[in-house]
N, C-alpha and C. Protein backbone atom coordinates (compact mmCIF):
# COMPACT_ATOMS: atom_id res chain seq x y z
N UNK A 1 -214.01 -36.77 -58.80
CA UNK A 1 -213.85 -35.34 -58.95
C UNK A 1 -213.10 -34.74 -57.77
N UNK A 2 -213.45 -35.18 -56.58
CA UNK A 2 -212.80 -34.65 -55.37
C UNK A 2 -211.34 -35.08 -55.32
N UNK A 3 -211.05 -36.28 -55.82
CA UNK A 3 -209.67 -36.75 -55.83
C UNK A 3 -208.82 -35.91 -56.77
N UNK A 4 -209.39 -35.49 -57.90
CA UNK A 4 -208.66 -34.66 -58.86
C UNK A 4 -208.37 -33.29 -58.24
N UNK A 5 -209.34 -32.72 -57.55
CA UNK A 5 -209.12 -31.44 -56.88
C UNK A 5 -208.07 -31.56 -55.80
N UNK A 6 -208.09 -32.66 -55.07
CA UNK A 6 -207.10 -32.87 -54.01
C UNK A 6 -205.70 -32.96 -54.60
N UNK A 7 -205.53 -33.66 -55.70
CA UNK A 7 -204.22 -33.78 -56.36
C UNK A 7 -203.76 -32.42 -56.87
N UNK A 8 -204.66 -31.63 -57.44
CA UNK A 8 -204.30 -30.31 -57.93
C UNK A 8 -203.87 -29.39 -56.78
N UNK A 9 -204.56 -29.48 -55.66
CA UNK A 9 -204.18 -28.67 -54.49
C UNK A 9 -202.80 -29.07 -53.99
N UNK A 10 -202.51 -30.35 -53.97
CA UNK A 10 -201.19 -30.81 -53.52
C UNK A 10 -200.10 -30.30 -54.46
N UNK A 11 -200.37 -30.35 -55.77
CA UNK A 11 -199.39 -29.86 -56.74
C UNK A 11 -199.14 -28.37 -56.54
N UNK A 12 -200.22 -27.61 -56.33
CA UNK A 12 -200.06 -26.17 -56.10
C UNK A 12 -199.24 -25.89 -54.85
N UNK A 13 -199.48 -26.64 -53.79
CA UNK A 13 -198.72 -26.45 -52.55
C UNK A 13 -197.24 -26.77 -52.75
N UNK A 14 -196.95 -27.85 -53.50
CA UNK A 14 -195.56 -28.21 -53.77
C UNK A 14 -194.89 -27.14 -54.62
N UNK A 15 -195.60 -26.62 -55.63
CA UNK A 15 -195.03 -25.57 -56.48
C UNK A 15 -194.78 -24.29 -55.68
N UNK A 16 -195.72 -23.93 -54.80
CA UNK A 16 -195.53 -22.74 -53.97
C UNK A 16 -194.36 -22.91 -53.02
N UNK A 17 -194.20 -24.11 -52.47
CA UNK A 17 -193.07 -24.37 -51.56
C UNK A 17 -191.74 -24.27 -52.30
N UNK A 18 -191.69 -24.86 -53.51
CA UNK A 18 -190.47 -24.78 -54.30
C UNK A 18 -190.15 -23.35 -54.70
N UNK A 19 -191.19 -22.57 -55.05
CA UNK A 19 -190.98 -21.19 -55.44
C UNK A 19 -190.49 -20.36 -54.26
N UNK A 20 -191.06 -20.58 -53.08
CA UNK A 20 -190.64 -19.81 -51.91
C UNK A 20 -189.22 -20.19 -51.50
N UNK A 21 -188.84 -21.46 -51.68
CA UNK A 21 -187.48 -21.87 -51.36
C UNK A 21 -186.48 -21.23 -52.31
N UNK A 22 -186.83 -21.15 -53.59
CA UNK A 22 -185.91 -20.52 -54.54
C UNK A 22 -185.84 -19.02 -54.32
N UNK A 23 -186.95 -18.39 -53.93
CA UNK A 23 -186.95 -16.96 -53.65
C UNK A 23 -186.12 -16.66 -52.41
N UNK A 24 -186.22 -17.50 -51.38
CA UNK A 24 -185.45 -17.24 -50.17
C UNK A 24 -183.96 -17.48 -50.42
N UNK A 25 -183.61 -18.44 -51.28
CA UNK A 25 -182.19 -18.63 -51.58
C UNK A 25 -181.65 -17.47 -52.41
N UNK A 26 -182.50 -16.89 -53.26
CA UNK A 26 -182.07 -15.72 -54.02
C UNK A 26 -181.86 -14.53 -53.10
N UNK A 27 -182.77 -14.33 -52.15
CA UNK A 27 -182.61 -13.21 -51.23
C UNK A 27 -181.42 -13.43 -50.30
N UNK A 28 -181.15 -14.67 -49.94
CA UNK A 28 -179.97 -14.97 -49.13
C UNK A 28 -178.70 -14.69 -49.91
N UNK A 29 -178.69 -15.04 -51.18
CA UNK A 29 -177.53 -14.77 -52.03
C UNK A 29 -177.31 -13.28 -52.18
N UNK A 30 -178.37 -12.54 -52.43
CA UNK A 30 -178.26 -11.08 -52.57
C UNK A 30 -177.78 -10.45 -51.27
N UNK A 31 -178.31 -10.91 -50.15
CA UNK A 31 -177.90 -10.39 -48.85
C UNK A 31 -176.43 -10.69 -48.57
N UNK A 32 -175.98 -11.87 -48.94
CA UNK A 32 -174.58 -12.24 -48.74
C UNK A 32 -173.66 -11.36 -49.59
N UNK A 33 -174.03 -11.14 -50.83
CA UNK A 33 -173.20 -10.31 -51.71
C UNK A 33 -173.17 -8.86 -51.24
N UNK A 34 -174.32 -8.32 -50.87
CA UNK A 34 -174.37 -6.93 -50.43
C UNK A 34 -173.60 -6.74 -49.13
N UNK A 35 -173.77 -7.63 -48.18
CA UNK A 35 -173.03 -7.48 -46.92
C UNK A 35 -171.53 -7.68 -47.12
N UNK A 36 -171.15 -8.56 -48.03
CA UNK A 36 -169.73 -8.73 -48.33
C UNK A 36 -169.13 -7.48 -48.97
N UNK A 37 -169.85 -6.89 -49.92
CA UNK A 37 -169.37 -5.67 -50.56
C UNK A 37 -169.32 -4.50 -49.58
N UNK A 38 -170.34 -4.38 -48.75
CA UNK A 38 -170.34 -3.30 -47.75
C UNK A 38 -169.22 -3.46 -46.73
N UNK A 39 -168.92 -4.70 -46.35
CA UNK A 39 -167.82 -4.89 -45.41
C UNK A 39 -166.48 -4.54 -46.06
N UNK A 40 -166.31 -4.86 -47.33
CA UNK A 40 -165.07 -4.48 -48.02
C UNK A 40 -164.95 -2.96 -48.16
N UNK A 41 -166.05 -2.30 -48.50
CA UNK A 41 -166.03 -0.84 -48.63
C UNK A 41 -165.76 -0.19 -47.27
N UNK A 42 -166.39 -0.70 -46.22
CA UNK A 42 -166.17 -0.16 -44.88
C UNK A 42 -164.74 -0.36 -44.43
N UNK A 43 -164.17 -1.54 -44.67
CA UNK A 43 -162.78 -1.78 -44.30
C UNK A 43 -161.83 -0.86 -45.06
N UNK A 44 -162.07 -0.69 -46.36
CA UNK A 44 -161.20 0.18 -47.15
C UNK A 44 -161.30 1.63 -46.68
N UNK A 45 -162.51 2.06 -46.35
CA UNK A 45 -162.69 3.43 -45.87
C UNK A 45 -162.02 3.63 -44.52
N UNK A 46 -162.19 2.69 -43.63
CA UNK A 46 -161.57 2.81 -42.30
C UNK A 46 -160.05 2.75 -42.39
N UNK A 47 -159.55 1.93 -43.27
CA UNK A 47 -158.09 1.83 -43.45
C UNK A 47 -157.55 3.10 -44.10
N UNK A 48 -158.30 3.66 -45.03
CA UNK A 48 -157.87 4.89 -45.71
C UNK A 48 -157.84 6.07 -44.74
N UNK A 49 -158.76 6.11 -43.80
CA UNK A 49 -158.85 7.22 -42.84
C UNK A 49 -158.20 6.89 -41.51
N UNK A 50 -157.22 6.00 -41.50
CA UNK A 50 -156.61 5.54 -40.24
C UNK A 50 -155.94 6.70 -39.49
N UNK A 51 -155.31 7.62 -40.19
CA UNK A 51 -154.65 8.74 -39.51
C UNK A 51 -155.66 9.66 -38.84
N UNK A 52 -156.85 9.78 -39.41
CA UNK A 52 -157.88 10.64 -38.83
C UNK A 52 -158.36 10.07 -37.50
N UNK A 53 -158.45 8.74 -37.41
CA UNK A 53 -158.89 8.11 -36.17
C UNK A 53 -157.88 8.25 -35.04
N UNK A 54 -156.64 8.50 -35.35
CA UNK A 54 -155.61 8.62 -34.32
C UNK A 54 -155.53 10.03 -33.73
N UNK A 55 -156.38 10.95 -34.17
CA UNK A 55 -156.30 12.33 -33.69
C UNK A 55 -156.76 12.50 -32.24
N UNK A 56 -157.86 11.88 -31.87
CA UNK A 56 -158.37 12.06 -30.51
C UNK A 56 -158.95 10.75 -29.99
N UNK A 57 -159.23 10.74 -28.68
CA UNK A 57 -159.77 9.54 -28.06
C UNK A 57 -161.19 9.25 -28.53
N UNK A 58 -161.96 10.30 -28.75
CA UNK A 58 -163.33 10.11 -29.21
C UNK A 58 -163.36 9.50 -30.61
N UNK A 59 -162.43 9.90 -31.45
CA UNK A 59 -162.36 9.32 -32.80
C UNK A 59 -161.91 7.87 -32.77
N UNK A 60 -161.08 7.53 -31.79
CA UNK A 60 -160.66 6.14 -31.63
C UNK A 60 -161.87 5.28 -31.24
N UNK A 61 -162.71 5.80 -30.34
CA UNK A 61 -163.92 5.09 -29.95
C UNK A 61 -164.89 4.96 -31.13
N UNK A 62 -164.99 6.01 -31.92
CA UNK A 62 -165.81 5.96 -33.12
C UNK A 62 -165.29 4.90 -34.09
N UNK A 63 -163.99 4.80 -34.20
CA UNK A 63 -163.39 3.77 -35.05
C UNK A 63 -163.73 2.37 -34.56
N UNK A 64 -163.71 2.16 -33.25
CA UNK A 64 -164.11 0.86 -32.70
C UNK A 64 -165.55 0.53 -32.99
N UNK A 65 -166.40 1.55 -32.91
CA UNK A 65 -167.82 1.35 -33.22
C UNK A 65 -168.00 0.99 -34.70
N UNK A 66 -167.30 1.68 -35.58
CA UNK A 66 -167.42 1.38 -37.01
C UNK A 66 -166.85 0.01 -37.34
N UNK A 67 -165.79 -0.39 -36.65
CA UNK A 67 -165.25 -1.73 -36.87
C UNK A 67 -166.21 -2.80 -36.35
N UNK A 68 -167.03 -2.47 -35.36
CA UNK A 68 -168.03 -3.45 -34.93
C UNK A 68 -169.07 -3.67 -36.03
N UNK A 69 -169.36 -2.63 -36.80
CA UNK A 69 -170.24 -2.81 -37.96
C UNK A 69 -169.58 -3.69 -39.02
N UNK A 70 -168.26 -3.61 -39.11
CA UNK A 70 -167.54 -4.50 -40.02
C UNK A 70 -167.73 -5.95 -39.57
N UNK A 71 -167.71 -6.18 -38.26
CA UNK A 71 -167.96 -7.52 -37.74
C UNK A 71 -169.36 -8.00 -38.09
N UNK A 72 -170.36 -7.16 -37.87
CA UNK A 72 -171.75 -7.54 -38.15
C UNK A 72 -171.94 -7.85 -39.64
N UNK A 73 -171.37 -7.02 -40.50
CA UNK A 73 -171.51 -7.24 -41.94
C UNK A 73 -170.78 -8.50 -42.40
N UNK A 74 -169.58 -8.73 -41.88
CA UNK A 74 -168.84 -9.93 -42.29
C UNK A 74 -169.51 -11.20 -41.75
N UNK A 75 -170.07 -11.13 -40.55
CA UNK A 75 -170.80 -12.28 -40.02
C UNK A 75 -172.05 -12.57 -40.84
N UNK A 76 -172.73 -11.52 -41.27
CA UNK A 76 -173.90 -11.70 -42.13
C UNK A 76 -173.51 -12.33 -43.46
N UNK A 77 -172.41 -11.89 -44.03
CA UNK A 77 -171.94 -12.44 -45.30
C UNK A 77 -171.59 -13.91 -45.16
N UNK A 78 -170.84 -14.26 -44.13
CA UNK A 78 -170.41 -15.64 -43.93
C UNK A 78 -171.62 -16.54 -43.62
N UNK A 79 -172.50 -16.07 -42.76
CA UNK A 79 -173.65 -16.87 -42.38
C UNK A 79 -174.59 -17.11 -43.57
N UNK A 80 -174.83 -16.09 -44.36
CA UNK A 80 -175.70 -16.26 -45.53
C UNK A 80 -175.05 -17.16 -46.59
N UNK A 81 -173.74 -17.07 -46.75
CA UNK A 81 -173.05 -17.95 -47.69
C UNK A 81 -173.17 -19.41 -47.24
N UNK A 82 -173.06 -19.64 -45.93
CA UNK A 82 -173.22 -21.00 -45.42
C UNK A 82 -174.66 -21.49 -45.57
N UNK A 83 -175.62 -20.58 -45.43
CA UNK A 83 -177.02 -20.97 -45.63
C UNK A 83 -177.27 -21.37 -47.08
N UNK A 84 -176.60 -20.73 -48.01
CA UNK A 84 -176.74 -21.09 -49.42
C UNK A 84 -176.12 -22.47 -49.66
N UNK A 85 -174.96 -22.71 -49.07
CA UNK A 85 -174.25 -23.97 -49.31
C UNK A 85 -174.89 -25.14 -48.57
N UNK A 86 -175.19 -24.95 -47.27
CA UNK A 86 -175.64 -26.07 -46.44
C UNK A 86 -177.15 -26.16 -46.24
N UNK A 87 -177.90 -25.20 -46.74
CA UNK A 87 -179.36 -25.25 -46.60
C UNK A 87 -179.87 -24.11 -45.74
N UNK A 88 -181.17 -23.85 -45.87
CA UNK A 88 -181.77 -22.70 -45.20
C UNK A 88 -181.83 -22.85 -43.68
N UNK A 89 -181.74 -24.05 -43.16
CA UNK A 89 -181.84 -24.26 -41.72
C UNK A 89 -180.50 -24.14 -41.01
N UNK A 90 -179.43 -23.86 -41.74
CA UNK A 90 -178.10 -23.77 -41.13
C UNK A 90 -177.98 -22.50 -40.32
N UNK A 91 -177.36 -22.59 -39.14
CA UNK A 91 -177.19 -21.44 -38.26
C UNK A 91 -175.73 -21.23 -37.97
N UNK A 92 -175.35 -19.97 -37.77
CA UNK A 92 -173.98 -19.63 -37.41
C UNK A 92 -173.73 -20.05 -35.97
N UNK A 93 -172.61 -20.66 -35.72
CA UNK A 93 -172.25 -21.12 -34.38
C UNK A 93 -171.15 -20.22 -33.82
N UNK A 94 -170.92 -20.36 -32.53
CA UNK A 94 -169.93 -19.51 -31.86
C UNK A 94 -168.52 -19.81 -32.33
N UNK A 95 -168.16 -21.09 -32.33
CA UNK A 95 -166.77 -21.43 -32.57
C UNK A 95 -166.27 -21.12 -33.98
N UNK A 96 -166.80 -21.68 -35.03
CA UNK A 96 -166.14 -21.36 -36.29
C UNK A 96 -166.48 -19.98 -36.85
N UNK A 97 -167.75 -19.64 -36.94
CA UNK A 97 -168.12 -18.43 -37.68
C UNK A 97 -167.91 -17.15 -36.88
N UNK A 98 -168.47 -17.12 -35.68
CA UNK A 98 -168.43 -15.87 -34.91
C UNK A 98 -167.01 -15.53 -34.49
N UNK A 99 -166.26 -16.51 -33.99
CA UNK A 99 -164.89 -16.22 -33.58
C UNK A 99 -163.99 -15.89 -34.78
N UNK A 100 -164.25 -16.50 -35.92
CA UNK A 100 -163.49 -16.18 -37.13
C UNK A 100 -163.72 -14.73 -37.55
N UNK A 101 -164.98 -14.32 -37.62
CA UNK A 101 -165.29 -12.94 -38.02
C UNK A 101 -164.81 -11.94 -36.98
N UNK A 102 -164.92 -12.30 -35.70
CA UNK A 102 -164.46 -11.40 -34.65
C UNK A 102 -162.94 -11.25 -34.68
N UNK A 103 -162.22 -12.33 -34.92
CA UNK A 103 -160.76 -12.23 -34.97
C UNK A 103 -160.29 -11.43 -36.19
N UNK A 104 -160.98 -11.58 -37.32
CA UNK A 104 -160.63 -10.76 -38.49
C UNK A 104 -160.90 -9.28 -38.22
N UNK A 105 -161.99 -9.00 -37.54
CA UNK A 105 -162.33 -7.62 -37.23
C UNK A 105 -161.33 -7.02 -36.27
N UNK A 106 -160.94 -7.76 -35.26
CA UNK A 106 -159.96 -7.26 -34.29
C UNK A 106 -158.60 -7.04 -34.96
N UNK A 107 -158.22 -7.94 -35.85
CA UNK A 107 -156.95 -7.75 -36.57
C UNK A 107 -157.00 -6.52 -37.47
N UNK A 108 -158.13 -6.31 -38.13
CA UNK A 108 -158.26 -5.12 -38.99
C UNK A 108 -158.29 -3.85 -38.16
N UNK A 109 -158.96 -3.88 -37.00
CA UNK A 109 -159.02 -2.70 -36.14
C UNK A 109 -157.67 -2.45 -35.48
N UNK A 110 -156.92 -3.50 -35.22
CA UNK A 110 -155.60 -3.34 -34.63
C UNK A 110 -154.62 -2.65 -35.56
N UNK A 111 -154.84 -2.73 -36.85
CA UNK A 111 -154.00 -2.02 -37.82
C UNK A 111 -154.18 -0.52 -37.66
N UNK A 112 -155.43 -0.11 -37.40
CA UNK A 112 -155.72 1.32 -37.27
C UNK A 112 -155.23 1.85 -35.93
N UNK A 113 -155.68 1.20 -34.84
CA UNK A 113 -155.28 1.64 -33.49
C UNK A 113 -155.56 0.49 -32.54
N UNK A 114 -154.71 0.34 -31.51
CA UNK A 114 -154.91 -0.76 -30.56
C UNK A 114 -156.20 -0.60 -29.77
N UNK A 115 -156.53 0.64 -29.40
CA UNK A 115 -157.76 0.87 -28.65
C UNK A 115 -158.98 0.64 -29.54
N UNK A 116 -158.84 0.88 -30.83
CA UNK A 116 -159.92 0.55 -31.77
C UNK A 116 -160.23 -0.94 -31.71
N UNK A 117 -159.20 -1.76 -31.59
CA UNK A 117 -159.40 -3.21 -31.53
C UNK A 117 -160.15 -3.59 -30.26
N UNK A 118 -159.77 -2.99 -29.14
CA UNK A 118 -160.44 -3.30 -27.87
C UNK A 118 -161.90 -2.86 -27.88
N UNK A 119 -162.14 -1.63 -28.31
CA UNK A 119 -163.52 -1.14 -28.31
C UNK A 119 -164.37 -1.84 -29.36
N UNK A 120 -163.74 -2.28 -30.45
CA UNK A 120 -164.52 -3.01 -31.45
C UNK A 120 -165.00 -4.35 -30.90
N UNK A 121 -164.20 -4.98 -30.05
CA UNK A 121 -164.63 -6.23 -29.42
C UNK A 121 -165.85 -5.97 -28.54
N UNK A 122 -165.79 -4.92 -27.74
CA UNK A 122 -166.90 -4.62 -26.85
C UNK A 122 -168.17 -4.27 -27.64
N UNK A 123 -168.04 -3.40 -28.62
CA UNK A 123 -169.19 -3.03 -29.43
C UNK A 123 -169.72 -4.23 -30.24
N UNK A 124 -168.82 -5.08 -30.70
CA UNK A 124 -169.25 -6.26 -31.47
C UNK A 124 -170.03 -7.24 -30.60
N UNK A 125 -169.62 -7.41 -29.36
CA UNK A 125 -170.35 -8.30 -28.46
C UNK A 125 -171.74 -7.75 -28.15
N UNK A 126 -171.84 -6.43 -28.00
CA UNK A 126 -173.16 -5.82 -27.80
C UNK A 126 -174.02 -6.01 -29.04
N UNK A 127 -173.45 -5.79 -30.21
CA UNK A 127 -174.18 -6.00 -31.46
C UNK A 127 -174.59 -7.45 -31.65
N UNK A 128 -173.73 -8.38 -31.24
CA UNK A 128 -174.04 -9.80 -31.34
C UNK A 128 -175.19 -10.17 -30.41
N UNK A 129 -175.23 -9.56 -29.24
CA UNK A 129 -176.33 -9.80 -28.31
C UNK A 129 -177.66 -9.38 -28.94
N UNK A 130 -177.68 -8.19 -29.54
CA UNK A 130 -178.92 -7.72 -30.15
C UNK A 130 -179.28 -8.51 -31.41
N UNK A 131 -178.29 -8.97 -32.17
CA UNK A 131 -178.58 -9.84 -33.31
C UNK A 131 -179.22 -11.14 -32.84
N UNK A 132 -178.72 -11.68 -31.75
CA UNK A 132 -179.27 -12.91 -31.21
C UNK A 132 -180.71 -12.70 -30.75
N UNK A 133 -180.99 -11.58 -30.11
CA UNK A 133 -182.37 -11.29 -29.67
C UNK A 133 -183.31 -11.17 -30.86
N UNK A 134 -182.87 -10.49 -31.91
CA UNK A 134 -183.71 -10.32 -33.10
C UNK A 134 -183.95 -11.67 -33.78
N UNK A 135 -182.90 -12.48 -33.91
CA UNK A 135 -183.06 -13.76 -34.60
C UNK A 135 -183.94 -14.72 -33.81
N UNK A 136 -183.84 -14.72 -32.49
CA UNK A 136 -184.73 -15.60 -31.72
C UNK A 136 -186.16 -15.11 -31.76
N UNK A 137 -186.36 -13.81 -31.88
CA UNK A 137 -187.72 -13.27 -31.96
C UNK A 137 -188.39 -13.68 -33.26
N UNK A 138 -187.67 -13.64 -34.37
CA UNK A 138 -188.28 -13.89 -35.66
C UNK A 138 -188.12 -15.32 -36.17
N UNK A 139 -187.07 -16.02 -35.78
CA UNK A 139 -186.81 -17.31 -36.39
C UNK A 139 -186.89 -18.50 -35.44
N UNK A 140 -187.19 -18.29 -34.17
CA UNK A 140 -187.24 -19.44 -33.27
C UNK A 140 -188.52 -20.22 -33.51
N UNK A 141 -188.42 -21.50 -33.33
CA UNK A 141 -189.56 -22.39 -33.52
C UNK A 141 -190.17 -22.64 -32.15
N UNK A 142 -191.44 -22.36 -32.03
CA UNK A 142 -192.13 -22.58 -30.78
C UNK A 142 -192.51 -24.05 -30.68
N UNK A 143 -192.02 -24.71 -29.65
CA UNK A 143 -192.32 -26.12 -29.44
C UNK A 143 -193.44 -26.20 -28.41
N UNK A 144 -194.54 -26.84 -28.78
CA UNK A 144 -195.64 -26.93 -27.80
C UNK A 144 -195.24 -27.86 -26.65
N UNK A 145 -195.66 -27.49 -25.46
CA UNK A 145 -195.35 -28.31 -24.30
C UNK A 145 -196.40 -29.40 -24.16
N UNK A 146 -195.98 -30.54 -23.70
CA UNK A 146 -196.87 -31.67 -23.50
C UNK A 146 -197.04 -31.85 -22.01
N UNK A 147 -198.28 -31.86 -21.55
CA UNK A 147 -198.54 -32.06 -20.14
C UNK A 147 -198.32 -33.52 -19.78
N UNK A 148 -197.64 -33.74 -18.68
CA UNK A 148 -197.43 -35.09 -18.20
C UNK A 148 -198.72 -35.59 -17.55
N UNK A 149 -198.98 -36.87 -17.66
CA UNK A 149 -200.18 -37.38 -17.01
C UNK A 149 -200.07 -37.22 -15.49
N UNK A 150 -201.19 -36.94 -14.89
CA UNK A 150 -201.20 -36.72 -13.45
C UNK A 150 -200.86 -38.01 -12.73
N UNK A 151 -200.06 -37.89 -11.70
CA UNK A 151 -199.67 -39.06 -10.90
C UNK A 151 -200.85 -39.49 -10.04
N UNK A 152 -201.03 -40.79 -9.93
CA UNK A 152 -202.12 -41.31 -9.12
C UNK A 152 -201.76 -41.25 -7.65
N UNK A 153 -202.74 -40.92 -6.90
CA UNK A 153 -202.53 -40.92 -5.45
C UNK A 153 -203.10 -42.22 -4.90
N UNK A 154 -202.50 -42.72 -3.91
CA UNK A 154 -202.97 -43.95 -3.30
C UNK A 154 -202.08 -45.11 -3.70
N UNK A 155 -202.18 -46.16 -2.94
CA UNK A 155 -201.28 -47.27 -3.16
C UNK A 155 -201.90 -48.46 -3.84
N UNK A 156 -203.16 -48.38 -4.24
CA UNK A 156 -203.79 -49.55 -4.86
C UNK A 156 -203.30 -49.70 -6.29
N UNK A 157 -203.01 -50.91 -6.65
CA UNK A 157 -202.60 -51.24 -8.02
C UNK A 157 -203.64 -52.20 -8.58
N UNK A 158 -204.01 -51.98 -9.80
CA UNK A 158 -204.97 -52.85 -10.45
C UNK A 158 -204.25 -53.95 -11.19
N UNK A 159 -204.83 -55.14 -11.16
CA UNK A 159 -204.20 -56.26 -11.84
C UNK A 159 -204.88 -56.54 -13.13
């Protein structure tokens, strides 16, 4: 009787794990689609209002700030798409993903104004710092430390 209950508990755990994996992949897919659409809408809006951003220095800085949001949204889209393709444990790295999204953002901001491109880099790096802090707070795995055995004092060796 106990063996039957144990088998049923194992089946329930496996089913719950499979269900949570499918739910997380669905939420990752939805997040990737929403961030991709928002980044396209934001780029189109910023490109459409390019003349307005050229009116004053404060508006140019505002444009750089908004383009940094384009960077954050595009990085979220790319990272979530890679998590869907390569598995839930996949993480965005500096070289391919972050530099790719940052270069696209700088190129898009450079179309509007050169100073927008410069300020978007600065704002994007600040945003990336805070994204890294949030992700390490919620997703880092705590590894327990193992105490080393105490070193023996004295020179006697046992045979």
